[in-house]
Amino acid sequence: MNEDVRTHQILDSGSMEDKIIVLESLSQSSDQETVNRIISKLDDSEIEVRGEAFSSLFLNKNDISGFLIDALSSESNNIKGFSALVLANRGDSNAISILELLTKDSSGMVRSCALGALGHLRAKKASKKIHNCIFDTNIEVKKSAAYATILIGEKFSDQEKKELKKYDDSDFEKILRY
């Protein structure tokens, strides 16, 4: 059996341990089909497999940014959110405009990841989108937006401070001290 076929079979239906071993071995792949299979494992049912897929993509020294940026339009919230974080951790500022769009995603988790990525990338050009998310209905999104605001070196407006003070939350208290 062809090595690639066997690898893909393991990633599709192997045990958790086998998937992890395969993902570790693929961390330097530049093959589009293989990288997309790794990206698909960001939505695996096992958290350990998702973590190994994240590591494999983060550690990959090849130019896989296009594949990761394409993954930001996935149907899967896990794939969108974790791909955003991989791109940020790789320092890929080419994704900023698409990450800005994800601040309006229907999933709070995706919005939160997009904001975290924008903050990590110090995306000052996304300032307005970041500030708008301080008024999001999801508390985790608010936290991500507030932290991203600090990371891009901006201050909170009086209205934003008032919004964040509504919550009896130690995270907001720490954030507002900056």
N, C-alpha and C. Protein backbone atom coordinates (compact mmCIF):
# COMPACT_ATOMS: atom_id res chain seq x y z
N MET A 1 0.84 -1.18 0.00
CA MET A 1 0.00 0.00 0.00
C MET A 1 0.89 1.24 0.00
N ASN A 2 0.53 2.23 -0.79
CA ASN A 2 1.25 3.48 -0.89
C ASN A 2 1.33 4.14 0.49
N GLU A 3 2.50 4.70 0.81
CA GLU A 3 2.72 5.35 2.11
C GLU A 3 1.72 6.48 2.37
N ASP A 4 1.46 7.32 1.35
CA ASP A 4 0.51 8.43 1.52
C ASP A 4 -0.89 7.92 1.80
N VAL A 5 -1.30 6.87 1.11
CA VAL A 5 -2.63 6.29 1.33
C VAL A 5 -2.74 5.78 2.76
N ARG A 6 -1.72 5.08 3.23
CA ARG A 6 -1.71 4.56 4.60
C ARG A 6 -1.77 5.71 5.62
N THR A 7 -0.99 6.74 5.38
CA THR A 7 -0.98 7.91 6.27
C THR A 7 -2.37 8.54 6.33
N HIS A 8 -3.00 8.71 5.18
CA HIS A 8 -4.33 9.32 5.14
C HIS A 8 -5.36 8.43 5.82
N GLN A 9 -5.23 7.12 5.67
CA GLN A 9 -6.14 6.19 6.35
C GLN A 9 -6.02 6.32 7.86
N ILE A 10 -4.79 6.41 8.34
CA ILE A 10 -4.59 6.55 9.78
C ILE A 10 -5.20 7.86 10.27
N LEU A 11 -4.96 8.94 9.55
CA LEU A 11 -5.53 10.23 9.97
C LEU A 11 -7.05 10.21 9.94
N ASP A 12 -7.62 9.48 9.00
CA ASP A 12 -9.08 9.41 8.88
C ASP A 12 -9.72 8.50 9.92
N SER A 13 -9.08 7.37 10.21
CA SER A 13 -9.77 6.39 11.06
C SER A 13 -8.87 5.62 12.01
N GLY A 14 -7.65 6.07 12.21
CA GLY A 14 -6.74 5.38 13.11
C GLY A 14 -7.03 5.67 14.57
N SER A 15 -6.31 5.01 15.44
CA SER A 15 -6.45 5.26 16.87
C SER A 15 -5.86 6.63 17.18
N MET A 16 -6.20 7.15 18.35
CA MET A 16 -5.66 8.44 18.77
C MET A 16 -4.13 8.41 18.76
N GLU A 17 -3.56 7.35 19.30
CA GLU A 17 -2.10 7.25 19.37
C GLU A 17 -1.46 7.22 17.99
N ASP A 18 -2.07 6.46 17.07
CA ASP A 18 -1.54 6.39 15.71
C ASP A 18 -1.65 7.74 14.99
N LYS A 19 -2.77 8.43 15.20
CA LYS A 19 -2.93 9.75 14.58
C LYS A 19 -1.85 10.71 15.07
N ILE A 20 -1.58 10.67 16.37
CA ILE A 20 -0.57 11.56 16.94
C ILE A 20 0.81 11.26 16.36
N ILE A 21 1.15 9.99 16.25
CA ILE A 21 2.45 9.60 15.68
C ILE A 21 2.57 10.10 14.24
N VAL A 22 1.51 9.94 13.46
CA VAL A 22 1.52 10.39 12.07
C VAL A 22 1.63 11.91 12.00
N LEU A 23 0.86 12.61 12.84
CA LEU A 23 0.92 14.08 12.82
C LEU A 23 2.32 14.58 13.17
N GLU A 24 2.96 13.94 14.15
CA GLU A 24 4.34 14.32 14.50
C GLU A 24 5.27 14.17 13.30
N SER A 25 5.05 13.12 12.53
CA SER A 25 5.94 12.85 11.39
C SER A 25 5.69 13.77 10.20
N LEU A 26 4.56 14.48 10.20
CA LEU A 26 4.20 15.31 9.06
C LEU A 26 4.44 16.80 9.28
N SER A 27 5.12 17.15 10.36
CA SER A 27 5.24 18.56 10.73
C SER A 27 6.03 19.41 9.74
N GLN A 28 6.70 18.80 8.78
CA GLN A 28 7.43 19.59 7.78
C GLN A 28 6.92 19.37 6.36
N SER A 29 5.71 18.86 6.24
CA SER A 29 5.14 18.62 4.92
C SER A 29 4.76 19.93 4.24
N SER A 30 4.95 20.00 2.94
CA SER A 30 4.49 21.14 2.16
C SER A 30 3.44 20.72 1.14
N ASP A 31 3.12 19.43 1.13
CA ASP A 31 2.13 18.89 0.21
C ASP A 31 0.74 19.38 0.61
N GLN A 32 0.02 20.00 -0.34
CA GLN A 32 -1.27 20.61 -0.04
C GLN A 32 -2.26 19.62 0.55
N GLU A 33 -2.38 18.45 -0.05
CA GLU A 33 -3.35 17.47 0.44
C GLU A 33 -3.00 17.05 1.87
N THR A 34 -1.73 16.85 2.13
CA THR A 34 -1.30 16.43 3.47
C THR A 34 -1.55 17.54 4.48
N VAL A 35 -1.18 18.77 4.14
CA VAL A 35 -1.40 19.89 5.06
C VAL A 35 -2.89 20.07 5.33
N ASN A 36 -3.71 19.93 4.30
CA ASN A 36 -5.16 20.06 4.51
C ASN A 36 -5.70 18.94 5.40
N ARG A 37 -5.12 17.76 5.31
CA ARG A 37 -5.51 16.66 6.21
C ARG A 37 -5.13 17.00 7.65
N ILE A 38 -3.95 17.58 7.81
CA ILE A 38 -3.53 18.00 9.16
C ILE A 38 -4.50 19.06 9.69
N ILE A 39 -4.83 20.03 8.86
CA ILE A 39 -5.78 21.07 9.25
C ILE A 39 -7.11 20.45 9.65
N SER A 40 -7.56 19.43 8.93
CA SER A 40 -8.84 18.79 9.26
C SER A 40 -8.82 18.17 10.65
N LYS A 41 -7.63 17.81 11.12
CA LYS A 41 -7.50 17.20 12.46
C LYS A 41 -7.67 18.23 13.57
N LEU A 42 -7.73 19.52 13.23
CA LEU A 42 -8.05 20.55 14.22
C LEU A 42 -9.49 20.39 14.70
N ASP A 43 -10.26 19.56 14.00
CA ASP A 43 -11.65 19.29 14.37
C ASP A 43 -11.85 17.84 14.80
N ASP A 44 -10.77 17.16 15.15
CA ASP A 44 -10.86 15.76 15.59
C ASP A 44 -11.62 15.69 16.91
N SER A 45 -12.25 14.55 17.16
CA SER A 45 -13.01 14.38 18.40
C SER A 45 -12.11 14.31 19.63
N GLU A 46 -10.85 13.96 19.44
CA GLU A 46 -9.90 13.84 20.56
C GLU A 46 -9.08 15.12 20.69
N ILE A 47 -9.12 15.71 21.88
CA ILE A 47 -8.38 16.96 22.11
C ILE A 47 -6.88 16.78 21.90
N GLU A 48 -6.36 15.61 22.24
CA GLU A 48 -4.92 15.37 22.06
C GLU A 48 -4.53 15.41 20.59
N VAL A 49 -5.41 14.90 19.73
CA VAL A 49 -5.15 14.92 18.29
C VAL A 49 -5.22 16.36 17.79
N ARG A 50 -6.22 17.12 18.26
CA ARG A 50 -6.32 18.53 17.86
C ARG A 50 -5.05 19.29 18.27
N GLY A 51 -4.57 19.02 19.47
CA GLY A 51 -3.35 19.68 19.95
C GLY A 51 -2.14 19.32 19.11
N GLU A 52 -2.02 18.05 18.74
CA GLU A 52 -0.88 17.64 17.92
C GLU A 52 -0.97 18.24 16.52
N ALA A 53 -2.19 18.34 15.98
CA ALA A 53 -2.37 18.99 14.67
C ALA A 53 -1.94 20.45 14.76
N PHE A 54 -2.33 21.13 15.83
CA PHE A 54 -1.94 22.52 16.05
C PHE A 54 -0.42 22.63 16.07
N SER A 55 0.23 21.78 16.85
CA SER A 55 1.70 21.80 16.95
C SER A 55 2.36 21.54 15.60
N SER A 56 1.85 20.56 14.88
CA SER A 56 2.42 20.21 13.58
C SER A 56 2.35 21.39 12.62
N LEU A 57 1.22 22.10 12.63
CA LEU A 57 1.05 23.25 11.74
C LEU A 57 1.91 24.43 12.20
N PHE A 58 1.95 24.66 13.50
CA PHE A 58 2.75 25.76 14.03
C PHE A 58 4.24 25.57 13.75
N LEU A 59 4.72 24.35 13.92
CA LEU A 59 6.15 24.06 13.76
C LEU A 59 6.59 23.92 12.31
N ASN A 60 5.63 23.81 11.40
CA ASN A 60 5.95 23.62 9.99
C ASN A 60 6.66 24.86 9.44
N LYS A 61 7.87 24.68 8.95
CA LYS A 61 8.67 25.81 8.47
C LYS A 61 8.39 26.16 7.00
N ASN A 62 7.55 25.40 6.35
CA ASN A 62 7.21 25.66 4.95
C ASN A 62 6.17 26.77 4.85
N ASP A 63 5.98 27.29 3.65
CA ASP A 63 4.97 28.32 3.43
C ASP A 63 3.61 27.64 3.26
N ILE A 64 2.93 27.46 4.37
CA ILE A 64 1.60 26.83 4.36
C ILE A 64 0.51 27.85 4.68
N SER A 65 0.87 29.12 4.68
CA SER A 65 -0.08 30.18 5.05
C SER A 65 -1.34 30.16 4.19
N GLY A 66 -1.18 29.95 2.91
CA GLY A 66 -2.35 29.92 2.02
C GLY A 66 -3.34 28.85 2.42
N PHE A 67 -2.84 27.70 2.82
CA PHE A 67 -3.73 26.60 3.23
C PHE A 67 -4.45 26.97 4.53
N LEU A 68 -3.71 27.60 5.45
CA LEU A 68 -4.31 28.00 6.73
C LEU A 68 -5.32 29.13 6.52
N ILE A 69 -5.01 30.07 5.64
CA ILE A 69 -5.95 31.16 5.36
C ILE A 69 -7.21 30.59 4.71
N ASP A 70 -7.06 29.64 3.80
CA ASP A 70 -8.24 28.99 3.21
C ASP A 70 -9.09 28.32 4.27
N ALA A 71 -8.45 27.77 5.29
CA ALA A 71 -9.17 27.06 6.36
C ALA A 71 -10.03 28.00 7.19
N LEU A 72 -9.76 29.30 7.12
CA LEU A 72 -10.57 30.27 7.88
C LEU A 72 -12.00 30.36 7.35
N SER A 73 -12.25 29.79 6.19
CA SER A 73 -13.62 29.78 5.64
C SER A 73 -14.27 28.40 5.78
N SER A 74 -13.71 27.56 6.60
CA SER A 74 -14.24 26.21 6.83
C SER A 74 -15.63 26.28 7.47
N GLU A 75 -16.38 25.22 7.30
CA GLU A 75 -17.67 25.08 7.99
C GLU A 75 -17.46 24.82 9.48
N SER A 76 -16.33 24.25 9.83
CA SER A 76 -16.04 23.87 11.21
C SER A 76 -15.53 25.06 12.03
N ASN A 77 -16.19 25.31 13.15
CA ASN A 77 -15.74 26.38 14.03
C ASN A 77 -14.36 26.08 14.61
N ASN A 78 -14.10 24.82 14.94
CA ASN A 78 -12.78 24.46 15.47
C ASN A 78 -11.69 24.75 14.44
N ILE A 79 -11.93 24.37 13.20
CA ILE A 79 -10.93 24.60 12.16
C ILE A 79 -10.70 26.10 11.96
N LYS A 80 -11.78 26.89 11.92
CA LYS A 80 -11.63 28.34 11.75
C LYS A 80 -10.87 28.95 12.93
N GLY A 81 -11.32 28.63 14.13
CA GLY A 81 -10.71 29.24 15.32
C GLY A 81 -9.26 28.85 15.51
N PHE A 82 -8.97 27.55 15.42
CA PHE A 82 -7.60 27.09 15.65
C PHE A 82 -6.67 27.49 14.51
N SER A 83 -7.18 27.56 13.28
CA SER A 83 -6.35 28.04 12.17
C SER A 83 -5.97 29.50 12.38
N ALA A 84 -6.91 30.29 12.91
CA ALA A 84 -6.61 31.69 13.23
C ALA A 84 -5.47 31.78 14.23
N LEU A 85 -5.52 30.92 15.25
CA LEU A 85 -4.48 30.94 16.28
C LEU A 85 -3.14 30.44 15.75
N VAL A 86 -3.18 29.44 14.88
CA VAL A 86 -1.93 28.96 14.27
C VAL A 86 -1.30 30.09 13.45
N LEU A 87 -2.10 30.75 12.64
CA LEU A 87 -1.59 31.86 11.82
C LEU A 87 -0.97 32.95 12.70
N ALA A 88 -1.64 33.28 13.79
CA ALA A 88 -1.12 34.31 14.69
C ALA A 88 0.20 33.87 15.31
N ASN A 89 0.25 32.64 15.77
CA ASN A 89 1.47 32.13 16.40
C ASN A 89 2.62 32.03 15.41
N ARG A 90 2.30 31.87 14.14
CA ARG A 90 3.33 31.85 13.10
C ARG A 90 3.70 33.27 12.67
N GLY A 91 3.02 34.27 13.23
CA GLY A 91 3.31 35.67 12.91
C GLY A 91 2.87 36.08 11.52
N ASP A 92 1.82 35.45 11.00
CA ASP A 92 1.39 35.68 9.62
C ASP A 92 0.41 36.84 9.51
N SER A 93 0.92 38.01 9.22
CA SER A 93 0.07 39.19 9.11
C SER A 93 -0.73 39.22 7.81
N ASN A 94 -0.46 38.32 6.88
CA ASN A 94 -1.26 38.25 5.64
C ASN A 94 -2.71 37.87 5.92
N ALA A 95 -2.98 37.33 7.08
CA ALA A 95 -4.32 36.87 7.42
C ALA A 95 -5.17 37.95 8.08
N ILE A 96 -4.62 39.11 8.35
CA ILE A 96 -5.32 40.12 9.15
C ILE A 96 -6.69 40.48 8.58
N SER A 97 -6.79 40.73 7.29
CA SER A 97 -8.08 41.16 6.72
C SER A 97 -9.15 40.07 6.87
N ILE A 98 -8.77 38.82 6.75
CA ILE A 98 -9.74 37.73 6.92
C ILE A 98 -10.07 37.55 8.40
N LEU A 99 -9.08 37.71 9.26
CA LEU A 99 -9.34 37.63 10.70
C LEU A 99 -10.33 38.72 11.13
N GLU A 100 -10.22 39.90 10.51
CA GLU A 100 -11.17 40.97 10.81
C GLU A 100 -12.60 40.52 10.49
N LEU A 101 -12.78 39.84 9.37
CA LEU A 101 -14.11 39.35 9.01
C LEU A 101 -14.64 38.35 10.04
N LEU A 102 -13.74 37.55 10.59
CA LEU A 102 -14.16 36.54 11.56
C LEU A 102 -14.62 37.14 12.88
N THR A 103 -14.37 38.44 13.12
CA THR A 103 -14.88 39.07 14.34
C THR A 103 -16.39 39.19 14.31
N LYS A 104 -16.99 38.90 13.16
CA LYS A 104 -18.46 38.92 13.02
C LYS A 104 -19.03 37.51 12.81
N ASP A 105 -18.23 36.49 12.99
CA ASP A 105 -18.68 35.11 12.80
C ASP A 105 -19.82 34.80 13.78
N SER A 106 -20.67 33.86 13.41
CA SER A 106 -21.79 33.49 14.28
C SER A 106 -21.34 32.76 15.55
N SER A 107 -20.15 32.19 15.53
CA SER A 107 -19.63 31.45 16.69
C SER A 107 -18.81 32.37 17.60
N GLY A 108 -19.18 32.41 18.88
CA GLY A 108 -18.41 33.18 19.84
C GLY A 108 -16.98 32.69 19.95
N MET A 109 -16.78 31.38 19.87
CA MET A 109 -15.43 30.82 19.95
C MET A 109 -14.58 31.33 18.79
N VAL A 110 -15.14 31.35 17.60
CA VAL A 110 -14.39 31.83 16.43
C VAL A 110 -14.09 33.32 16.58
N ARG A 111 -15.08 34.10 17.02
CA ARG A 111 -14.85 35.54 17.21
C ARG A 111 -13.73 35.77 18.23
N SER A 112 -13.78 35.02 19.31
CA SER A 112 -12.77 35.15 20.37
C SER A 112 -11.37 34.79 19.85
N CYS A 113 -11.27 33.70 19.10
CA CYS A 113 -9.98 33.30 18.51
C CYS A 113 -9.47 34.35 17.53
N ALA A 114 -10.37 34.89 16.71
CA ALA A 114 -9.98 35.91 15.73
C ALA A 114 -9.44 37.15 16.45
N LEU A 115 -10.09 37.55 17.52
CA LEU A 115 -9.63 38.71 18.28
C LEU A 115 -8.29 38.43 18.95
N GLY A 116 -8.15 37.23 19.49
CA GLY A 116 -6.87 36.85 20.08
C GLY A 116 -5.76 36.89 19.06
N ALA A 117 -6.06 36.41 17.86
CA ALA A 117 -5.07 36.41 16.78
C ALA A 117 -4.72 37.84 16.37
N LEU A 118 -5.73 38.70 16.24
CA LEU A 118 -5.47 40.09 15.86
C LEU A 118 -4.63 40.80 16.92
N GLY A 119 -4.92 40.53 18.18
CA GLY A 119 -4.12 41.11 19.25
C GLY A 119 -2.69 40.61 19.20
N HIS A 120 -2.53 39.31 19.05
CA HIS A 120 -1.20 38.70 19.01
C HIS A 120 -0.37 39.27 17.85
N LEU A 121 -1.04 39.54 16.74
CA LEU A 121 -0.37 40.10 15.56
C LEU A 121 -0.18 41.62 15.66
N ARG A 122 -0.66 42.20 16.75
CA ARG A 122 -0.58 43.66 16.97
C ARG A 122 -1.17 44.40 15.77
N ALA A 123 -2.37 43.95 15.37
CA ALA A 123 -3.03 44.45 14.16
C ALA A 123 -3.75 45.76 14.41
N LYS A 124 -2.98 46.85 14.47
CA LYS A 124 -3.56 48.18 14.71
C LYS A 124 -4.61 48.55 13.66
N LYS A 125 -4.43 48.07 12.44
CA LYS A 125 -5.39 48.41 11.39
C LYS A 125 -6.77 47.80 11.66
N ALA A 126 -6.84 46.84 12.57
CA ALA A 126 -8.11 46.21 12.94
C ALA A 126 -8.72 46.86 14.18
N SER A 127 -8.19 48.00 14.56
CA SER A 127 -8.59 48.67 15.80
C SER A 127 -10.11 48.83 15.94
N LYS A 128 -10.76 49.31 14.92
CA LYS A 128 -12.21 49.56 15.01
C LYS A 128 -12.98 48.27 15.26
N LYS A 129 -12.62 47.22 14.53
CA LYS A 129 -13.30 45.92 14.70
C LYS A 129 -13.07 45.39 16.12
N ILE A 130 -11.84 45.54 16.62
CA ILE A 130 -11.52 45.07 17.96
C ILE A 130 -12.35 45.84 18.99
N HIS A 131 -12.35 47.16 18.89
CA HIS A 131 -13.11 47.98 19.84
C HIS A 131 -14.61 47.66 19.79
N ASN A 132 -15.15 47.44 18.60
CA ASN A 132 -16.58 47.11 18.48
C ASN A 132 -16.94 45.85 19.25
N CYS A 133 -16.02 44.91 19.30
CA CYS A 133 -16.30 43.62 19.95
C CYS A 133 -16.34 43.72 21.48
N ILE A 134 -15.92 44.84 22.03
CA ILE A 134 -16.07 45.03 23.47
C ILE A 134 -17.55 45.04 23.84
N PHE A 135 -18.41 45.34 22.88
CA PHE A 135 -19.85 45.37 23.10
C PHE A 135 -20.55 44.10 22.63
N ASP A 136 -19.80 43.06 22.36
CA ASP A 136 -20.35 41.76 21.95
C ASP A 136 -21.19 41.20 23.09
N THR A 137 -22.14 40.33 22.75
CA THR A 137 -22.99 39.72 23.78
C THR A 137 -22.29 38.58 24.53
N ASN A 138 -21.21 38.06 23.97
CA ASN A 138 -20.49 36.93 24.56
C ASN A 138 -19.35 37.45 25.44
N ILE A 139 -19.34 37.06 26.70
CA ILE A 139 -18.33 37.58 27.65
C ILE A 139 -16.90 37.20 27.25
N GLU A 140 -16.70 36.01 26.71
CA GLU A 140 -15.35 35.61 26.29
C GLU A 140 -14.87 36.45 25.11
N VAL A 141 -15.79 36.82 24.24
CA VAL A 141 -15.44 37.70 23.12
C VAL A 141 -15.06 39.08 23.65
N LYS A 142 -15.83 39.57 24.62
CA LYS A 142 -15.50 40.86 25.25
C LYS A 142 -14.09 40.83 25.83
N LYS A 143 -13.76 39.74 26.54
CA LYS A 143 -12.43 39.62 27.15
C LYS A 143 -11.35 39.62 26.08
N SER A 144 -11.57 38.87 25.02
CA SER A 144 -10.59 38.82 23.93
C SER A 144 -10.42 40.19 23.28
N ALA A 145 -11.53 40.89 23.10
CA ALA A 145 -11.47 42.23 22.50
C ALA A 145 -10.74 43.20 23.42
N ALA A 146 -11.03 43.12 24.71
CA ALA A 146 -10.37 44.02 25.67
C ALA A 146 -8.87 43.76 25.71
N TYR A 147 -8.50 42.50 25.74
CA TYR A 147 -7.08 42.17 25.78
C TYR A 147 -6.39 42.57 24.47
N ALA A 148 -7.06 42.35 23.35
CA ALA A 148 -6.50 42.75 22.05
C ALA A 148 -6.31 44.26 21.99
N THR A 149 -7.23 45.00 22.60
CA THR A 149 -7.12 46.46 22.64
C THR A 149 -5.81 46.86 23.32
N ILE A 150 -5.51 46.20 24.43
CA ILE A 150 -4.26 46.47 25.15
C ILE A 150 -3.05 46.09 24.29
N LEU A 151 -3.13 44.93 23.65
CA LEU A 151 -2.00 44.46 22.85
C LEU A 151 -1.67 45.37 21.67
N ILE A 152 -2.69 46.02 21.11
CA ILE A 152 -2.41 46.93 20.00
C ILE A 152 -2.05 48.33 20.50
N GLY A 153 -1.96 48.48 21.82
CA GLY A 153 -1.48 49.73 22.41
C GLY A 153 -2.49 50.84 22.47
N GLU A 154 -3.78 50.49 22.56
CA GLU A 154 -4.81 51.52 22.61
C GLU A 154 -5.47 51.56 23.97
N LYS A 155 -6.15 52.66 24.22
CA LYS A 155 -6.86 52.89 25.48
C LYS A 155 -8.35 52.62 25.27
N PHE A 156 -9.04 52.42 26.37
CA PHE A 156 -10.49 52.23 26.33
C PHE A 156 -11.19 53.58 26.42
N SER A 157 -12.27 53.71 25.67
CA SER A 157 -13.11 54.91 25.79
C SER A 157 -13.88 54.80 27.11
N ASP A 158 -14.46 55.91 27.54
CA ASP A 158 -15.26 55.88 28.77
C ASP A 158 -16.43 54.90 28.63
N GLN A 159 -17.03 54.87 27.46
CA GLN A 159 -18.15 53.95 27.21
C GLN A 159 -17.69 52.49 27.28
N GLU A 160 -16.51 52.21 26.76
CA GLU A 160 -15.97 50.84 26.82
C GLU A 160 -15.65 50.46 28.26
N LYS A 161 -15.07 51.38 29.02
CA LYS A 161 -14.79 51.11 30.43
C LYS A 161 -16.08 50.79 31.18
N LYS A 162 -17.10 51.58 30.92
CA LYS A 162 -18.41 51.37 31.57
C LYS A 162 -18.95 49.98 31.23
N GLU A 163 -18.83 49.60 29.97
CA GLU A 163 -19.30 48.28 29.52
C GLU A 163 -18.57 47.16 30.26
N LEU A 164 -17.26 47.28 30.38
CA LEU A 164 -16.47 46.22 31.01
C LEU A 164 -16.67 46.18 32.53
N LYS A 165 -16.98 47.33 33.12
CA LYS A 165 -17.20 47.39 34.57
C LYS A 165 -18.54 46.78 34.98
N LYS A 166 -19.42 46.53 34.03
CA LYS A 166 -20.72 45.91 34.32
C LYS A 166 -20.56 44.52 34.92
N TYR A 167 -19.44 43.90 34.65
CA TYR A 167 -19.24 42.50 35.02
C TYR A 167 -18.37 42.41 36.26
N ASP A 168 -18.80 41.58 37.19
CA ASP A 168 -18.00 41.32 38.38
C ASP A 168 -17.05 40.19 38.02
N ASP A 169 -15.99 40.56 37.32
CA ASP A 169 -15.09 39.57 36.77
C ASP A 169 -13.65 40.03 36.98
N SER A 170 -12.85 39.18 37.60
CA SER A 170 -11.47 39.56 37.91
C SER A 170 -10.64 39.81 36.65
N ASP A 171 -10.97 39.13 35.56
CA ASP A 171 -10.24 39.36 34.30
C ASP A 171 -10.43 40.80 33.82
N PHE A 172 -11.67 41.29 33.89
CA PHE A 172 -11.93 42.66 33.46
C PHE A 172 -11.26 43.66 34.40
N GLU A 173 -11.25 43.35 35.69
CA GLU A 173 -10.58 44.24 36.65
C GLU A 173 -9.10 44.37 36.30
N LYS A 174 -8.45 43.25 35.99
CA LYS A 174 -7.03 43.28 35.62
C LYS A 174 -6.82 44.06 34.32
N ILE A 175 -7.67 43.80 33.35
CA ILE A 175 -7.55 44.46 32.05
C ILE A 175 -7.70 45.97 32.19
N LEU A 176 -8.65 46.39 33.01
CA LEU A 176 -8.91 47.83 33.15
C LEU A 176 -7.80 48.56 33.90
N ARG A 177 -6.93 47.85 34.58
CA ARG A 177 -5.80 48.49 35.27
C ARG A 177 -4.73 48.98 34.29
N TYR A 178 -4.74 48.47 33.07
CA TYR A 178 -3.71 48.87 32.09
C TYR A 178 -3.95 50.26 31.58
